[in-house]
C-alpha atoms as a PDB file:
ATOM      1  CA  MET A   1       1.696  11.695  31.950  1.00  0.00           C
ATOM      2  CA  ALA A   2       1.710  13.350  28.630  1.00  0.00           C
ATOM      3  CA  TRP A   3       4.104  10.590  27.287  1.00  0.00           C
ATOM      4  CA  GLN A   4       1.742   8.120  28.861  1.00  0.00           C
ATOM      5  CA  GLY A   5      -1.196   9.449  27.055  1.00  0.00           C
ATOM      6  CA  LEU A   6       0.635   9.635  23.618  1.00  0.00           C
ATOM      7  CA  ALA A   7       1.731   6.052  24.074  1.00  0.00           C
ATOM      8  CA  ALA A   8      -1.650   4.818  25.060  1.00  0.00           C
ATOM      9  CA  GLU A   9      -2.949   6.652  21.875  1.00  0.00           C
ATOM     10  CA  PHE A  10      -0.311   5.204  19.776  1.00  0.00           C
ATOM     11  CA  LEU A  11      -1.210   1.568  21.009  1.00  0.00           C
ATOM     12  CA  GLN A  12      -4.650   2.087  19.912  1.00  0.00           C
ATOM     13  CA  VAL A  13      -3.552   2.472  16.372  1.00  0.00           C
ATOM     14  CA  PRO A  14      -4.203  -1.068  14.480  1.00  0.00           C
ATOM     15  CA  ALA A  15      -1.055  -3.105  14.464  1.00  0.00           C
ATOM     16  CA  VAL A  16      -0.206  -3.171  10.582  1.00  0.00           C
ATOM     17  CA  THR A  17      -0.710   0.666  10.338  1.00  0.00           C
ATOM     18  CA  ARG A  18       1.307   1.164  13.468  1.00  0.00           C
ATOM     19  CA  VAL A  19       4.240  -1.079  12.312  1.00  0.00           C
ATOM     20  CA  TYR A  20       4.252   0.391   8.690  1.00  0.00           C
ATOM     21  CA  THR A  21       4.095   3.969   9.670  1.00  0.00           C
ATOM     22  CA  THR A  22       6.689   3.519  12.335  1.00  0.00           C
ATOM     23  CA  ALA A  23       9.042   1.862  10.054  1.00  0.00           C
ATOM     24  CA  CYS A  24       8.788   4.681   7.492  1.00  0.00           C
ATOM     25  CA  VAL A  25       9.414   7.311  10.129  1.00  0.00           C
ATOM     26  CA  LEU A  26      12.430   5.471  11.642  1.00  0.00           C
ATOM     27  CA  THR A  27      13.861   4.987   8.186  1.00  0.00           C
ATOM     28  CA  THR A  28      13.574   8.582   7.219  1.00  0.00           C
ATOM     29  CA  ALA A  29      15.086   9.551  10.671  1.00  0.00           C
ATOM     30  CA  ALA A  30      17.984   7.264  10.111  1.00  0.00           C
ATOM     31  CA  VAL A  31      18.851   8.731   6.725  1.00  0.00           C
ATOM     32  CA  GLN A  32      18.366  12.366   8.188  1.00  0.00           C
ATOM     33  CA  LEU A  33      20.840  11.436  10.936  1.00  0.00           C
ATOM     34  CA  GLU A  34      23.218   9.909   8.348  1.00  0.00           C
ATOM     35  CA  LEU A  35      23.079   6.511   9.991  1.00  0.00           C
ATOM     36  CA  LEU A  36      21.769   5.172   6.536  1.00  0.00           C
ATOM     37  CA  SER A  37      22.100   6.292   3.035  1.00  0.00           C
ATOM     38  CA  PRO A  38      19.398   6.352   0.368  1.00  0.00           C
ATOM     39  CA  PHE A  39      21.759   4.364  -1.815  1.00  0.00           C
ATOM     40  CA  GLN A  40      21.549   1.464   0.658  1.00  0.00           C
ATOM     41  CA  LEU A  41      17.772   1.445   0.466  1.00  0.00           C
ATOM     42  CA  TYR A  42      16.671   1.933  -3.070  1.00  0.00           C
ATOM     43  CA  PHE A  43      15.485  -0.924  -5.195  1.00  0.00           C
ATOM     44  CA  ASN A  44      18.261  -2.208  -7.656  1.00  0.00           C
ATOM     45  CA  PRO A  45      17.527  -5.661  -9.291  1.00  0.00           C
ATOM     46  CA  HIS A  46      21.208  -6.270 -10.024  1.00  0.00           C
ATOM     47  CA  LEU A  47      22.212  -5.851  -6.261  1.00  0.00           C
ATOM     48  CA  VAL A  48      18.977  -7.727  -5.233  1.00  0.00           C
ATOM     49  CA  PHE A  49      19.428 -10.848  -7.318  1.00  0.00           C
ATOM     50  CA  ARG A  50      23.216 -10.725  -8.030  1.00  0.00           C
ATOM     51  CA  LYS A  51      24.687  -9.492  -4.704  1.00  0.00           C
ATOM     52  CA  PHE A  52      21.678 -10.647  -2.616  1.00  0.00           C
ATOM     53  CA  GLN A  53      20.851  -7.632  -0.828  1.00  0.00           C
ATOM     54  CA  ILE A  54      17.362  -8.846  -0.338  1.00  0.00           C
ATOM     55  CA  TRP A  55      16.566  -5.943   2.089  1.00  0.00           C
ATOM     56  CA  ARG A  56      16.031  -3.699  -0.711  1.00  0.00           C
ATOM     57  CA  LEU A  57      12.919  -5.466  -1.732  1.00  0.00           C
ATOM     58  CA  LEU A  58      11.443  -4.036   1.648  1.00  0.00           C
ATOM     59  CA  THR A  59      13.336  -0.906   2.238  1.00  0.00           C
ATOM     60  CA  ASN A  60      12.363   0.790  -1.019  1.00  0.00           C
ATOM     61  CA  PHE A  61       8.859   1.129   0.211  1.00  0.00           C
ATOM     62  CA  LEU A  62       9.988   2.736   3.624  1.00  0.00           C
ATOM     63  CA  PHE A  63      11.911   5.830   2.320  1.00  0.00           C
ATOM     64  CA  PHE A  64       9.825   8.742   1.176  1.00  0.00           C
ATOM     65  CA  GLY A  65      12.664  11.167   0.680  1.00  0.00           C
ATOM     66  CA  PRO A  66      14.099  13.865   3.159  1.00  0.00           C
ATOM     67  CA  LEU A  67      12.169  15.531   5.909  1.00  0.00           C
ATOM     68  CA  GLY A  68       9.860  18.119   4.097  1.00  0.00           C
ATOM     69  CA  PHE A  69       6.478  18.785   2.895  1.00  0.00           C
ATOM     70  CA  SER A  70       6.462  15.802   0.558  1.00  0.00           C
ATOM     71  CA  PHE A  71       7.452  13.491   3.526  1.00  0.00           C
ATOM     72  CA  PHE A  72       4.796  14.695   5.740  1.00  0.00           C
ATOM     73  CA  PHE A  73       2.142  14.651   3.112  1.00  0.00           C
ATOM     74  CA  ASN A  74       2.830  10.953   2.179  1.00  0.00           C
ATOM     75  CA  MET A  75       2.908  10.026   5.916  1.00  0.00           C
ATOM     76  CA  LEU A  76      -0.422  11.761   6.267  1.00  0.00           C
ATOM     77  CA  PHE A  77      -2.023   9.638   3.639  1.00  0.00           C
ATOM     78  CA  VAL A  78      -0.263   6.428   4.793  1.00  0.00           C
ATOM     79  CA  PHE A  79      -1.532   6.789   8.317  1.00  0.00           C
ATOM     80  CA  ARG A  80      -5.071   8.055   7.405  1.00  0.00           C
ATOM     81  CA  TYR A  81      -5.927   5.550   4.697  1.00  0.00           C
ATOM     82  CA  CYS A  82      -4.095   2.644   5.898  1.00  0.00           C
ATOM     83  CA  ARG A  83      -5.846   2.996   9.193  1.00  0.00           C
ATOM     84  CA  MET A  84      -9.179   3.277   7.757  1.00  0.00           C
ATOM     85  CA  LEU A  85      -8.887   0.258   5.650  1.00  0.00           C
ATOM     86  CA  GLU A  86      -7.528  -1.760   8.539  1.00  0.00           C
ATOM     87  CA  GLU A  87     -10.380  -0.595  10.903  1.00  0.00           C
ATOM     88  CA  GLY A  88     -12.927  -0.770   8.170  1.00  0.00           C
ATOM     89  CA  SER A  89     -12.894  -3.370   5.269  1.00  0.00           C
ATOM     90  CA  PHE A  90     -10.103  -5.436   6.998  1.00  0.00           C
ATOM     91  CA  ARG A  91     -11.485  -5.318  10.571  1.00  0.00           C
ATOM     92  CA  GLY A  92     -10.498  -8.468  12.283  1.00  0.00           C
ATOM     93  CA  ARG A  93      -8.619  -9.616   9.358  1.00  0.00           C
ATOM     94  CA  LYS A  94      -5.078  -8.501   9.902  1.00  0.00           C
ATOM     95  CA  ALA A  95      -3.387 -11.525   8.039  1.00  0.00           C
ATOM     96  CA  ASP A  96      -5.488 -10.803   4.945  1.00  0.00           C
ATOM     97  CA  PHE A  97      -4.488  -7.083   5.151  1.00  0.00           C
ATOM     98  CA  VAL A  98      -0.708  -7.992   5.290  1.00  0.00           C
ATOM     99  CA  PHE A  99      -1.445 -10.366   2.373  1.00  0.00           C
ATOM    100  CA  MET A 100      -2.714  -7.269   0.419  1.00  0.00           C
ATOM    101  CA  PHE A 101       0.379  -5.369   1.363  1.00  0.00           C
ATOM    102  CA  LEU A 102       2.651  -8.332   0.139  1.00  0.00           C
ATOM    103  CA  PHE A 103       0.771  -9.114  -3.114  1.00  0.00           C
ATOM    104  CA  GLY A 104       0.481  -5.425  -3.959  1.00  0.00           C
ATOM    105  CA  GLY A 105       4.089  -5.022  -3.221  1.00  0.00           C
ATOM    106  CA  VAL A 106       5.149  -7.927  -5.364  1.00  0.00           C
ATOM    107  CA  LEU A 107       3.130  -6.466  -8.332  1.00  0.00           C
ATOM    108  CA  MET A 108       4.759  -2.884  -7.824  1.00  0.00           C
ATOM    109  CA  ILE A 109       8.152  -4.329  -7.896  1.00  0.00           C
ATOM    110  CA  LEU A 110       7.600  -6.095 -11.128  1.00  0.00           C
ATOM    111  CA  LEU A 111       6.177  -2.997 -12.737  1.00  0.00           C
ATOM    112  CA  GLY A 112       8.743  -0.840 -11.117  1.00  0.00           C
ATOM    113  CA  PHE A 113      11.393  -2.884 -12.683  1.00  0.00           C
ATOM    114  CA  LEU A 114       9.868  -2.323 -15.974  1.00  0.00           C
ATOM    115  CA  GLY A 115       9.689   1.389 -15.262  1.00  0.00           C
ATOM    116  CA  SER A 116      12.952   1.889 -13.560  1.00  0.00           C
ATOM    117  CA  LEU A 117      11.510   3.063 -10.338  1.00  0.00           C
ATOM    118  CA  PHE A 118      13.830   3.052  -7.254  1.00  0.00           C
ATOM    119  CA  PHE A 119      11.472   3.849  -4.466  1.00  0.00           C
ATOM    120  CA  LEU A 120       7.896   2.605  -4.389  1.00  0.00           C
ATOM    121  CA  GLY A 121       6.581   3.933  -1.162  1.00  0.00           C
ATOM    122  CA  GLN A 122       4.546   6.428  -2.934  1.00  0.00           C
ATOM    123  CA  ALA A 123       3.016   4.033  -5.136  1.00  0.00           C
ATOM    124  CA  LEU A 124       2.008   1.767  -2.165  1.00  0.00           C
ATOM    125  CA  THR A 125       0.198   4.740  -0.703  1.00  0.00           C
ATOM    126  CA  ALA A 126      -1.591   5.498  -3.816  1.00  0.00           C
ATOM    127  CA  MET A 127      -2.730   1.921  -3.893  1.00  0.00           C
ATOM    128  CA  LEU A 128      -4.063   2.174  -0.309  1.00  0.00           C
ATOM    129  CA  VAL A 129      -5.823   5.289  -1.335  1.00  0.00           C
ATOM    130  CA  TYR A 130      -7.322   3.794  -4.377  1.00  0.00           C
ATOM    131  CA  VAL A 131      -8.553   0.487  -2.494  1.00  0.00           C
ATOM    132  CA  TRP A 132     -10.100   2.669   0.167  1.00  0.00           C
ATOM    133  CA  SER A 133     -11.824   4.846  -2.309  1.00  0.00           C
ATOM    134  CA  ARG A 134     -13.348   1.819  -4.230  1.00  0.00           C
ATOM    135  CA  ARG A 135     -14.526   0.439  -0.893  1.00  0.00           C
ATOM    136  CA  SER A 136     -16.140   3.610   0.170  1.00  0.00           C
ATOM    137  CA  PRO A 137     -17.844   4.868  -2.933  1.00  0.00           C
ATOM    138  CA  GLN A 138     -20.429   6.956  -1.100  1.00  0.00           C
ATOM    139  CA  VAL A 139     -18.262   8.876   1.148  1.00  0.00           C
ATOM    140  CA  ARG A 140     -17.445  12.521   0.321  1.00  0.00           C
ATOM    141  CA  VAL A 141     -14.018  13.833   0.478  1.00  0.00           C
ATOM    142  CA  ASN A 142     -12.996  17.232   1.235  1.00  0.00           C
ATOM    143  CA  PHE A 143      -9.648  17.841  -0.645  1.00  0.00           C
ATOM    144  CA  PHE A 144      -7.750  20.558   1.433  1.00  0.00           C
ATOM    145  CA  GLY A 145     -10.792  22.620   1.973  1.00  0.00           C
ATOM    146  CA  LEU A 146     -11.005  23.512  -1.906  1.00  0.00           C
ATOM    147  CA  PHE A 147     -13.061  20.689  -3.586  1.00  0.00           C
ATOM    148  CA  THR A 148     -15.474  18.135  -2.249  1.00  0.00           C
ATOM    149  CA  PHE A 149     -16.158  15.069  -4.472  1.00  0.00           C
ATOM    150  CA  GLN A 150     -17.007  11.287  -4.031  1.00  0.00           C
ATOM    151  CA  ALA A 151     -14.224   8.949  -2.701  1.00  0.00           C
ATOM    152  CA  PRO A 152     -13.677   7.207  -6.066  1.00  0.00           C
ATOM    153  CA  PHE A 153     -12.342  10.541  -7.475  1.00  0.00           C
ATOM    154  CA  LEU A 154      -9.535  10.961  -4.925  1.00  0.00           C
ATOM    155  CA  PRO A 155      -6.945   8.897  -6.455  1.00  0.00           C
ATOM    156  CA  TRP A 156      -7.265  11.063  -9.685  1.00  0.00           C
ATOM    157  CA  ALA A 157      -7.261  14.320  -7.591  1.00  0.00           C
ATOM    158  CA  LEU A 158      -4.053  13.324  -6.038  1.00  0.00           C
ATOM    159  CA  MET A 159      -2.565  12.481  -9.434  1.00  0.00           C
ATOM    160  CA  GLY A 160      -3.277  15.991 -10.687  1.00  0.00           C
ATOM    161  CA  PHE A 161      -1.900  17.361  -7.419  1.00  0.00           C
ATOM    162  CA  SER A 162       1.324  15.321  -8.012  1.00  0.00           C
ATOM    163  CA  MET A 163       1.537  16.862 -11.455  1.00  0.00           C
ATOM    164  CA  LEU A 164       1.254  20.354 -10.156  1.00  0.00           C
ATOM    165  CA  LEU A 165       4.129  19.663  -7.834  1.00  0.00           C
ATOM    166  CA  GLY A 166       6.273  18.478 -10.760  1.00  0.00           C
ATOM    167  CA  ASN A 167       6.202  14.747  -9.842  1.00  0.00           C
ATOM    168  CA  SER A 168       6.101  11.969 -12.245  1.00  0.00           C
ATOM    169  CA  ILE A 169       2.682  10.520 -12.375  1.00  0.00           C
ATOM    170  CA  LEU A 170       3.971   7.000 -13.139  1.00  0.00           C
ATOM    171  CA  VAL A 171       3.949   5.708  -9.489  1.00  0.00           C
ATOM    172  CA  ASP A 172       0.264   7.002  -9.256  1.00  0.00           C
ATOM    173  CA  LEU A 173      -0.610   5.034 -12.176  1.00  0.00           C
ATOM    174  CA  LEU A 174       0.756   1.810 -10.534  1.00  0.00           C
ATOM    175  CA  ALA A 175      -2.179   2.042  -7.970  1.00  0.00           C
ATOM    176  CA  PRO A 176      -5.124   1.297 -10.232  1.00  0.00           C
ATOM    177  CA  CYS A 177      -2.991  -1.307 -12.211  1.00  0.00           C
ATOM    178  CA  THR A 178      -1.709  -3.280  -9.156  1.00  0.00           C
ATOM    179  CA  SER A 179      -5.276  -3.128  -7.395  1.00  0.00           C
ATOM    180  CA  GLN A 180      -7.194  -4.188 -10.429  1.00  0.00           C
ATOM    181  CA  GLN A 181      -4.713  -6.969 -11.304  1.00  0.00           C
ATOM    182  CA  ALA A 182      -5.111  -8.180  -7.529  1.00  0.00           C
ATOM    183  CA  CYS A 183      -8.888  -8.181  -8.047  1.00  0.00           C
ATOM    184  CA  ARG A 184      -8.721 -10.196 -11.263  1.00  0.00           C
ATOM    185  CA  LEU A 185      -6.042 -12.703 -10.066  1.00  0.00           C
ATOM    186  CA  HIS A 186      -7.684 -13.468  -6.870  1.00  0.00           C
ATOM    187  CA  ILE A 187     -11.197 -13.812  -8.220  1.00  0.00           C
ATOM    188  CA  SER A 188     -11.335 -14.439 -12.030  1.00  0.00           C
ATOM    189  CA  ARG A 189      -8.677 -17.020 -11.923  1.00  0.00           C
ATOM    190  CA  PRO A 190      -8.662 -18.634  -8.434  1.00  0.00           C
ATOM    191  CA  HIS A 191      -7.924 -22.049  -9.827  1.00  0.00           C
ATOM    192  CA  LEU A 192      -4.557 -21.003 -11.132  1.00  0.00           C
ATOM    193  CA  LEU A 193      -3.512 -19.896  -7.628  1.00  0.00           C
ATOM    194  CA  LYS A 194      -4.918 -23.085  -6.144  1.00  0.00           C
ATOM    195  CA  LEU A 195      -2.566 -25.045  -8.581  1.00  0.00           C
ATOM    196  CA  VAL A 196       0.294 -23.052  -7.273  1.00  0.00           C
ATOM    197  CA  TRP A 197      -0.489 -23.299  -3.596  1.00  0.00           C
ATOM    198  CA  GLY A 198      -0.873 -27.072  -3.797  1.00  0.00           C
ATOM    199  CA  SER A 199      -3.371 -29.287  -1.883  1.00  0.00           C
ATOM    200  CA  THR A 200      -1.869 -29.902   1.537  1.00  0.00           C
ATOM    201  CA  ARG A 201      -4.018 -29.234   4.518  1.00  0.00           C
ATOM    202  CA  VAL A 202      -2.124 -26.119   5.600  1.00  0.00           C
ATOM    203  CA  GLN A 203      -1.837 -24.841   2.233  1.00  0.00           C
ATOM    204  CA  GLY A 204      -5.652 -25.400   1.561  1.00  0.00           C
ATOM    205  CA  LEU A 205      -6.278 -23.675   4.794  1.00  0.00           C
ATOM    206  CA  LEU A 206      -4.314 -20.621   3.839  1.00  0.00           C
ATOM    207  CA  TRP A 207      -5.851 -20.756   0.312  1.00  0.00           C
ATOM    208  CA  ASP A 208      -9.441 -20.678   1.749  1.00  0.00           C
ATOM    209  CA  THR A 209      -8.791 -17.850   4.066  1.00  0.00           C
ATOM    210  CA  SER A 210      -7.148 -15.637   1.410  1.00  0.00           C
ATOM    211  CA  THR A 211      -9.814 -16.354  -1.145  1.00  0.00           C
ATOM    212  CA  THR A 212     -12.737 -15.819   1.079  1.00  0.00           C
ATOM    213  CA  SER A 213     -11.270 -12.542   2.234  1.00  0.00           C
ATOM    214  CA  TRP A 214     -10.632 -11.189  -1.200  1.00  0.00           C
ATOM    215  CA  ARG A 215     -14.067 -12.245  -2.321  1.00  0.00           C
ATOM    216  CA  MET A 216     -15.455 -10.318   0.560  1.00  0.00           C
ATOM    217  CA  SER A 217     -13.418  -7.061  -0.386  1.00  0.00           C
ATOM    218  CA  PHE A 218     -13.598  -7.440  -4.171  1.00  0.00           C
ATOM    219  CA  PRO A 219     -16.914  -9.276  -5.004  1.00  0.00           C
ATOM    220  CA  THR A 220     -17.281 -11.506  -8.101  1.00  0.00           C
ATOM    221  CA  SER A 221     -18.998  -8.912 -10.126  1.00  0.00           C
ATOM    222  CA  LEU A 222     -16.323  -6.290 -10.107  1.00  0.00           C
ATOM    223  CA  GLU A 223     -18.150  -3.994 -12.217  1.00  0.00           C
ATOM    224  CA  ALA A 224     -21.457  -4.234 -10.215  1.00  0.00           C
ATOM    225  CA  ARG A 225     -19.683  -3.183  -7.033  1.00  0.00           C
ATOM    226  CA  GLY A 226     -17.547  -0.518  -8.667  1.00  0.00           C
ATOM    227  CA  CYS A 227     -14.206  -2.073  -7.749  1.00  0.00           C
ATOM    228  CA  CYS A 228     -12.693  -1.841 -11.133  1.00  0.00           C
END
């Protein structure tokens, strides 16, 4: 009965959050059990584009390091803020939420290539937190019971916490970069994307759906709504 209750609770989690969190946990478990090696997962442009190990474009977002405080800390934030976004700003728009994941992931890979980053899961988590904080400016956040502040300050508090742990803040800086570029690319320059997508009926439908959803999430007046 307990397992049935847990299964029912698990199935109530939105689909995108459930799939991504499960993939992260299973990947870490596979590495912990030595079924996989981190060397098979990390982002390596040479192996991706020369050896065609395309899976690395995905797996580098799924591994957060060995089991420990850092892993559980990241999983907590992935689950919490991914779920709040999917149940809030992206309610009923799973395709658009997946599109945000993909678009952010592509930008992070490009920036990660310039910064020689091998695992980008933490950067993706920071992006989710950043987007949620900008979409919930009036929400007050309690940070580990120590500080209480408005949601837009949360990404910077996490950056400071990361520095205290001795981690590089480069991955945390990718979050505002990717989120703001997504805003500008989808709103300020939609005509450029429309030329890329083409003019067929199917492509036009996809274009209208993605453009409408991003305008709802990030209105035209970015500064007026506090997006960037």
